[in-house]
Amino acid sequence: MNASEAREIIDRTLYEGETVLAFSAATDVVTPVVTFVDSSPNSWVAVTQSRFITVGEASGQASSHLLRDIEVLEVHRKLLGGTVLHFDPAGLGPDLGLMMLKIHDKATAKTLPALLAGRASAPALPKETTTYTSASVKSPPHLVPFIGEESEDLLCTTCGGICGVRMEGEATVYPECSACKRTVIKPDAAEA
């Protein structure tokens, strides 16, 4: 995935009036406890007025977090290691939730401290809704024994992010899209 592809994914999640204030390639320098063959420590990160957004290189999916709700989002400058962003959305700590993302773009690395300084007072997103469509997804090899050859994702009709899953005929719909944070409603409810 290149920068323009990642930026396109991020841009689909934006609300009217929301802009990307910082964007960079990043590498997670923390080795996860469990690694899979198709996983990658590389991602793209973006900061808007209201959100911190990541796009995983391996998955091609965006994940969005409201700035004011993130437990840990701090910039650490290392003399030889460059700029590292400590990111722990739920405050679970280094064993379960901490990502240490090395920021590759120097301009982004310089602007991040100022952008994150007032994150507790970041503006709320407008209240918007989205619906979903079903899409068959080929399962990663390491998950085939657990969920089968294919699974069915529920994808946001606005941005293409994950809104839920369908397993064994049973749908689990998330309250909000993981990528754009819009409230998810059933397609038939949108038509009413």
C-alpha atoms as a PDB file:
ATOM      1  CA  MET A   1       0.000   0.000   0.000  1.00  0.00           C
ATOM      2  CA  ASN A   2       1.407   3.370  -0.942  1.00  0.00           C
ATOM      3  CA  ALA A   3       0.742   6.819   0.541  1.00  0.00           C
ATOM      4  CA  SER A   4      -1.956   7.799  -1.959  1.00  0.00           C
ATOM      5  CA  GLU A   5      -3.910   4.558  -1.361  1.00  0.00           C
ATOM      6  CA  ALA A   6      -3.729   5.036   2.416  1.00  0.00           C
ATOM      7  CA  ARG A   7      -4.739   8.679   2.104  1.00  0.00           C
ATOM      8  CA  GLU A   8      -7.720   7.701  -0.062  1.00  0.00           C
ATOM      9  CA  ILE A   9      -8.922   5.287   2.650  1.00  0.00           C
ATOM     10  CA  ILE A  10      -8.563   8.014   5.300  1.00  0.00           C
ATOM     11  CA  ASP A  11     -10.283  10.657   3.151  1.00  0.00           C
ATOM     12  CA  ARG A  12     -13.375   8.413   2.772  1.00  0.00           C
ATOM     13  CA  THR A  13     -13.835   8.513   6.579  1.00  0.00           C
ATOM     14  CA  LEU A  14     -13.807  12.324   6.863  1.00  0.00           C
ATOM     15  CA  TYR A  15     -16.829  14.392   7.830  1.00  0.00           C
ATOM     16  CA  GLU A  16     -17.746  17.634   6.103  1.00  0.00           C
ATOM     17  CA  GLY A  17     -15.349  20.303   7.370  1.00  0.00           C
ATOM     18  CA  GLU A  18     -12.936  17.783   8.893  1.00  0.00           C
ATOM     19  CA  THR A  19      -9.405  17.871   7.474  1.00  0.00           C
ATOM     20  CA  VAL A  20      -6.250  15.836   7.855  1.00  0.00           C
ATOM     21  CA  LEU A  21      -3.796  17.940   9.866  1.00  0.00           C
ATOM     22  CA  ALA A  22      -0.943  15.381   9.884  1.00  0.00           C
ATOM     23  CA  PHE A  23      -0.261  12.223   7.867  1.00  0.00           C
ATOM     24  CA  SER A  24       2.675   9.816   7.912  1.00  0.00           C
ATOM     25  CA  ALA A  25       3.841   6.274   7.414  1.00  0.00           C
ATOM     26  CA  ALA A  26       4.531   4.566  10.737  1.00  0.00           C
ATOM     27  CA  THR A  27       6.059   1.346  12.025  1.00  0.00           C
ATOM     28  CA  ASP A  28       5.100  -0.265  15.315  1.00  0.00           C
ATOM     29  CA  VAL A  29       8.388  -0.872  17.132  1.00  0.00           C
ATOM     30  CA  VAL A  30       6.724  -3.081  19.772  1.00  0.00           C
ATOM     31  CA  THR A  31       6.712  -6.726  18.748  1.00  0.00           C
ATOM     32  CA  PRO A  32       3.260  -8.117  19.517  1.00  0.00           C
ATOM     33  CA  VAL A  33       2.986 -11.162  21.751  1.00  0.00           C
ATOM     34  CA  VAL A  34       1.256 -13.078  18.946  1.00  0.00           C
ATOM     35  CA  THR A  35       2.314 -12.507  15.344  1.00  0.00           C
ATOM     36  CA  PHE A  36       0.636 -13.928  12.282  1.00  0.00           C
ATOM     37  CA  VAL A  37       2.091 -14.655   8.871  1.00  0.00           C
ATOM     38  CA  ASP A  38       0.019 -11.969   7.159  1.00  0.00           C
ATOM     39  CA  SER A  39       0.402  -9.298   9.840  1.00  0.00           C
ATOM     40  CA  SER A  40       2.621  -6.264   9.379  1.00  0.00           C
ATOM     41  CA  PRO A  41       3.946  -3.653  11.810  1.00  0.00           C
ATOM     42  CA  ASN A  42       3.597  -1.003   9.095  1.00  0.00           C
ATOM     43  CA  SER A  43       0.700   1.402   8.955  1.00  0.00           C
ATOM     44  CA  TRP A  44      -0.284   4.929   8.083  1.00  0.00           C
ATOM     45  CA  VAL A  45      -1.435   7.426  10.690  1.00  0.00           C
ATOM     46  CA  ALA A  46      -3.420  10.641  10.440  1.00  0.00           C
ATOM     47  CA  VAL A  47      -4.646  13.274  12.874  1.00  0.00           C
ATOM     48  CA  THR A  48      -7.723  15.422  12.257  1.00  0.00           C
ATOM     49  CA  GLN A  49      -9.373  18.010  14.479  1.00  0.00           C
ATOM     50  CA  SER A  50     -11.293  15.233  16.263  1.00  0.00           C
ATOM     51  CA  ARG A  51      -9.689  11.865  15.523  1.00  0.00           C
ATOM     52  CA  PHE A  52      -6.546   9.763  15.371  1.00  0.00           C
ATOM     53  CA  ILE A  53      -6.803   7.378  12.411  1.00  0.00           C
ATOM     54  CA  THR A  54      -4.651   4.381  11.541  1.00  0.00           C
ATOM     55  CA  VAL A  55      -4.677   2.316   8.360  1.00  0.00           C
ATOM     56  CA  GLY A  56      -3.032  -1.101   8.643  1.00  0.00           C
ATOM     57  CA  GLU A  57      -0.822  -2.031   5.717  1.00  0.00           C
ATOM     58  CA  ALA A  58      -1.762  -5.714   5.991  1.00  0.00           C
ATOM     59  CA  SER A  59      -5.520  -5.198   6.322  1.00  0.00           C
ATOM     60  CA  GLY A  60      -6.050  -2.031   4.291  1.00  0.00           C
ATOM     61  CA  GLN A  61      -8.686  -1.061   6.866  1.00  0.00           C
ATOM     62  CA  ALA A  62      -8.945   2.231   8.747  1.00  0.00           C
ATOM     63  CA  SER A  63      -9.468   2.384  12.477  1.00  0.00           C
ATOM     64  CA  SER A  64     -10.503   5.617  14.085  1.00  0.00           C
ATOM     65  CA  HIS A  65     -10.302   6.883  17.674  1.00  0.00           C
ATOM     66  CA  LEU A  66     -11.734  10.097  19.100  1.00  0.00           C
ATOM     67  CA  LEU A  67      -8.814  12.200  20.353  1.00  0.00           C
ATOM     68  CA  ARG A  68     -10.510  13.126  23.609  1.00  0.00           C
ATOM     69  CA  ASP A  69     -11.232   9.464  24.480  1.00  0.00           C
ATOM     70  CA  ILE A  70      -7.739   8.032  23.945  1.00  0.00           C
ATOM     71  CA  GLU A  71      -6.003   7.140  27.217  1.00  0.00           C
ATOM     72  CA  VAL A  72      -2.416   7.477  25.934  1.00  0.00           C
ATOM     73  CA  LEU A  73      -1.312   9.374  22.817  1.00  0.00           C
ATOM     74  CA  GLU A  74       2.090  10.912  23.486  1.00  0.00           C
ATOM     75  CA  VAL A  75       5.062  11.937  21.386  1.00  0.00           C
ATOM     76  CA  HIS A  76       8.501  10.798  22.562  1.00  0.00           C
ATOM     77  CA  ARG A  77      11.621  12.000  20.804  1.00  0.00           C
ATOM     78  CA  LYS A  78      14.601   9.687  20.916  1.00  0.00           C
ATOM     79  CA  LEU A  79      18.066  10.962  20.141  1.00  0.00           C
ATOM     80  CA  LEU A  80      18.860   8.321  17.536  1.00  0.00           C
ATOM     81  CA  GLY A  81      15.484   6.620  17.215  1.00  0.00           C
ATOM     82  CA  GLY A  82      13.536   9.558  15.789  1.00  0.00           C
ATOM     83  CA  THR A  83       9.993  10.362  16.884  1.00  0.00           C
ATOM     84  CA  VAL A  84       7.901   7.619  18.481  1.00  0.00           C
ATOM     85  CA  LEU A  85       4.191   8.018  19.171  1.00  0.00           C
ATOM     86  CA  HIS A  86       2.978   6.014  22.177  1.00  0.00           C
ATOM     87  CA  PHE A  87      -0.611   4.980  21.461  1.00  0.00           C
ATOM     88  CA  ASP A  88      -2.803   3.065  23.887  1.00  0.00           C
ATOM     89  CA  PRO A  89      -6.482   3.776  23.169  1.00  0.00           C
ATOM     90  CA  ALA A  90      -7.917   1.973  26.203  1.00  0.00           C
ATOM     91  CA  GLY A  91      -5.087   2.376  28.699  1.00  0.00           C
ATOM     92  CA  LEU A  92      -4.352  -1.362  28.800  1.00  0.00           C
ATOM     93  CA  GLY A  93      -0.596  -0.931  29.161  1.00  0.00           C
ATOM     94  CA  PRO A  94       2.434  -2.352  27.374  1.00  0.00           C
ATOM     95  CA  ASP A  95       1.421  -5.996  27.609  1.00  0.00           C
ATOM     96  CA  LEU A  96      -2.005  -5.621  26.015  1.00  0.00           C
ATOM     97  CA  GLY A  97      -2.597  -2.290  24.354  1.00  0.00           C
ATOM     98  CA  LEU A  98       0.462  -0.109  23.827  1.00  0.00           C
ATOM     99  CA  MET A  99       1.661   0.585  20.309  1.00  0.00           C
ATOM    100  CA  MET A 100       4.878   2.523  19.840  1.00  0.00           C
ATOM    101  CA  LEU A 101       4.654   3.947  16.346  1.00  0.00           C
ATOM    102  CA  LYS A 102       7.827   5.322  14.787  1.00  0.00           C
ATOM    103  CA  ILE A 103       6.742   8.287  12.667  1.00  0.00           C
ATOM    104  CA  HIS A 104       8.618   8.396   9.357  1.00  0.00           C
ATOM    105  CA  ASP A 105       7.641  11.849   8.054  1.00  0.00           C
ATOM    106  CA  LYS A 106       9.787  14.537   9.726  1.00  0.00           C
ATOM    107  CA  ALA A 107       7.266  17.353   9.160  1.00  0.00           C
ATOM    108  CA  THR A 108       4.513  15.296  10.818  1.00  0.00           C
ATOM    109  CA  ALA A 109       6.848  14.418  13.692  1.00  0.00           C
ATOM    110  CA  LYS A 110       7.440  18.129  14.330  1.00  0.00           C
ATOM    111  CA  THR A 111       3.738  19.085  14.262  1.00  0.00           C
ATOM    112  CA  LEU A 112       2.369  16.212  16.361  1.00  0.00           C
ATOM    113  CA  PRO A 113       3.158  17.656  19.829  1.00  0.00           C
ATOM    114  CA  ALA A 114       1.212  20.861  19.091  1.00  0.00           C
ATOM    115  CA  LEU A 115      -1.690  18.956  17.507  1.00  0.00           C
ATOM    116  CA  LEU A 116      -2.024  16.596  20.464  1.00  0.00           C
ATOM    117  CA  ALA A 117      -1.563  19.212  23.204  1.00  0.00           C
ATOM    118  CA  GLY A 118      -5.254  20.117  23.323  1.00  0.00           C
ATOM    119  CA  ARG A 119      -6.725  16.729  22.516  1.00  0.00           C
ATOM    120  CA  ALA A 120      -8.869  16.640  25.680  1.00  0.00           C
ATOM    121  CA  SER A 121     -10.880  19.537  24.241  1.00  0.00           C
ATOM    122  CA  ALA A 122     -11.031  18.184  20.664  1.00  0.00           C
ATOM    123  CA  PRO A 123     -14.354  18.988  18.966  1.00  0.00           C
ATOM    124  CA  ALA A 124     -17.033  16.306  18.846  1.00  0.00           C
ATOM    125  CA  LEU A 125     -17.942  14.756  15.531  1.00  0.00           C
ATOM    126  CA  PRO A 126     -21.345  15.611  14.050  1.00  0.00           C
ATOM    127  CA  LYS A 127     -24.067  13.028  14.657  1.00  0.00           C
ATOM    128  CA  GLU A 128     -24.317  11.104  11.404  1.00  0.00           C
ATOM    129  CA  THR A 129     -25.576   7.636  10.549  1.00  0.00           C
ATOM    130  CA  THR A 130     -24.545   5.034   8.024  1.00  0.00           C
ATOM    131  CA  THR A 131     -25.811   1.671   6.862  1.00  0.00           C
ATOM    132  CA  TYR A 132     -23.915  -1.427   5.811  1.00  0.00           C
ATOM    133  CA  THR A 133     -23.661  -4.008   3.084  1.00  0.00           C
ATOM    134  CA  SER A 134     -22.402  -7.587   3.285  1.00  0.00           C
ATOM    135  CA  ALA A 135     -19.174  -8.647   1.646  1.00  0.00           C
ATOM    136  CA  SER A 136     -17.517 -12.069   1.590  1.00  0.00           C
ATOM    137  CA  VAL A 137     -13.928 -11.949   2.764  1.00  0.00           C
ATOM    138  CA  LYS A 138     -11.342 -14.683   2.324  1.00  0.00           C
ATOM    139  CA  SER A 139     -10.113 -15.638   5.786  1.00  0.00           C
ATOM    140  CA  PRO A 140      -6.409 -15.262   6.622  1.00  0.00           C
ATOM    141  CA  PRO A 141      -4.704 -18.695   6.718  1.00  0.00           C
ATOM    142  CA  HIS A 142      -4.182 -18.595  10.502  1.00  0.00           C
ATOM    143  CA  LEU A 143      -7.931 -18.120  11.116  1.00  0.00           C
ATOM    144  CA  VAL A 144      -9.255 -20.782   8.696  1.00  0.00           C
ATOM    145  CA  PRO A 145      -9.408 -23.521  11.404  1.00  0.00           C
ATOM    146  CA  PHE A 146     -11.533 -21.224  13.579  1.00  0.00           C
ATOM    147  CA  ILE A 147     -13.838 -19.376  11.176  1.00  0.00           C
ATOM    148  CA  GLY A 148     -13.601 -21.298   7.892  1.00  0.00           C
ATOM    149  CA  GLU A 149     -12.381 -20.368   4.410  1.00  0.00           C
ATOM    150  CA  GLU A 150     -14.529 -17.248   4.168  1.00  0.00           C
ATOM    151  CA  SER A 151     -16.258 -14.907   6.529  1.00  0.00           C
ATOM    152  CA  GLU A 152     -18.741 -12.162   5.885  1.00  0.00           C
ATOM    153  CA  ASP A 153     -17.984  -8.591   6.910  1.00  0.00           C
ATOM    154  CA  LEU A 154     -20.567  -5.859   7.211  1.00  0.00           C
ATOM    155  CA  LEU A 155     -19.043  -2.829   5.476  1.00  0.00           C
ATOM    156  CA  CYS A 156     -19.967   0.819   5.976  1.00  0.00           C
ATOM    157  CA  THR A 157     -21.756   2.243   2.928  1.00  0.00           C
ATOM    158  CA  THR A 158     -20.166   5.646   3.590  1.00  0.00           C
ATOM    159  CA  CYS A 159     -16.469   4.785   3.980  1.00  0.00           C
ATOM    160  CA  GLY A 160     -16.050   1.014   3.522  1.00  0.00           C
ATOM    161  CA  GLY A 161     -14.972   0.428   7.139  1.00  0.00           C
ATOM    162  CA  ILE A 162     -15.987  -2.535   9.273  1.00  0.00           C
ATOM    163  CA  CYS A 163     -19.474  -2.245  10.832  1.00  0.00           C
ATOM    164  CA  GLY A 164     -19.846  -5.840  11.965  1.00  0.00           C
ATOM    165  CA  VAL A 165     -19.506  -9.495  11.011  1.00  0.00           C
ATOM    166  CA  ARG A 166     -21.800 -12.351  10.090  1.00  0.00           C
ATOM    167  CA  MET A 167     -20.851 -15.803  11.322  1.00  0.00           C
ATOM    168  CA  GLU A 168     -22.947 -18.927  10.965  1.00  0.00           C
ATOM    169  CA  GLY A 169     -25.850 -16.833   9.696  1.00  0.00           C
ATOM    170  CA  GLU A 170     -25.860 -14.596  12.780  1.00  0.00           C
ATOM    171  CA  ALA A 171     -24.987 -10.913  12.262  1.00  0.00           C
ATOM    172  CA  THR A 172     -23.214  -8.869  14.903  1.00  0.00           C
ATOM    173  CA  VAL A 173     -23.621  -5.182  14.058  1.00  0.00           C
ATOM    174  CA  TYR A 174     -21.323  -2.722  15.833  1.00  0.00           C
ATOM    175  CA  PRO A 175     -22.902   0.433  17.298  1.00  0.00           C
ATOM    176  CA  GLU A 176     -20.565   2.560  15.168  1.00  0.00           C
ATOM    177  CA  CYS A 177     -18.296   2.089  12.173  1.00  0.00           C
ATOM    178  CA  SER A 178     -14.752   1.333  13.275  1.00  0.00           C
ATOM    179  CA  ALA A 179     -13.331   3.606  10.576  1.00  0.00           C
ATOM    180  CA  CYS A 180     -15.534   6.712  10.452  1.00  0.00           C
ATOM    181  CA  LYS A 181     -17.347   6.530  13.836  1.00  0.00           C
ATOM    182  CA  ARG A 182     -20.761   7.117  12.260  1.00  0.00           C
ATOM    183  CA  THR A 183     -23.684   5.444  14.071  1.00  0.00           C
ATOM    184  CA  VAL A 184     -24.650   2.223  12.286  1.00  0.00           C
ATOM    185  CA  ILE A 185     -28.303   1.599  11.477  1.00  0.00           C
ATOM    186  CA  LYS A 186     -29.827  -1.358   9.674  1.00  0.00           C
ATOM    187  CA  PRO A 187     -30.323  -0.788   5.930  1.00  0.00           C
ATOM    188  CA  ASP A 188     -34.099  -1.280   6.206  1.00  0.00           C
ATOM    189  CA  ALA A 189     -34.282   1.357   8.995  1.00  0.00           C
ATOM    190  CA  ALA A 190     -32.633   3.898   6.671  1.00  0.00           C
ATOM    191  CA  GLU A 191     -35.363   3.371   4.070  1.00  0.00           C
ATOM    192  CA  ALA A 192     -38.205   3.953   6.524  1.00  0.00           C
END
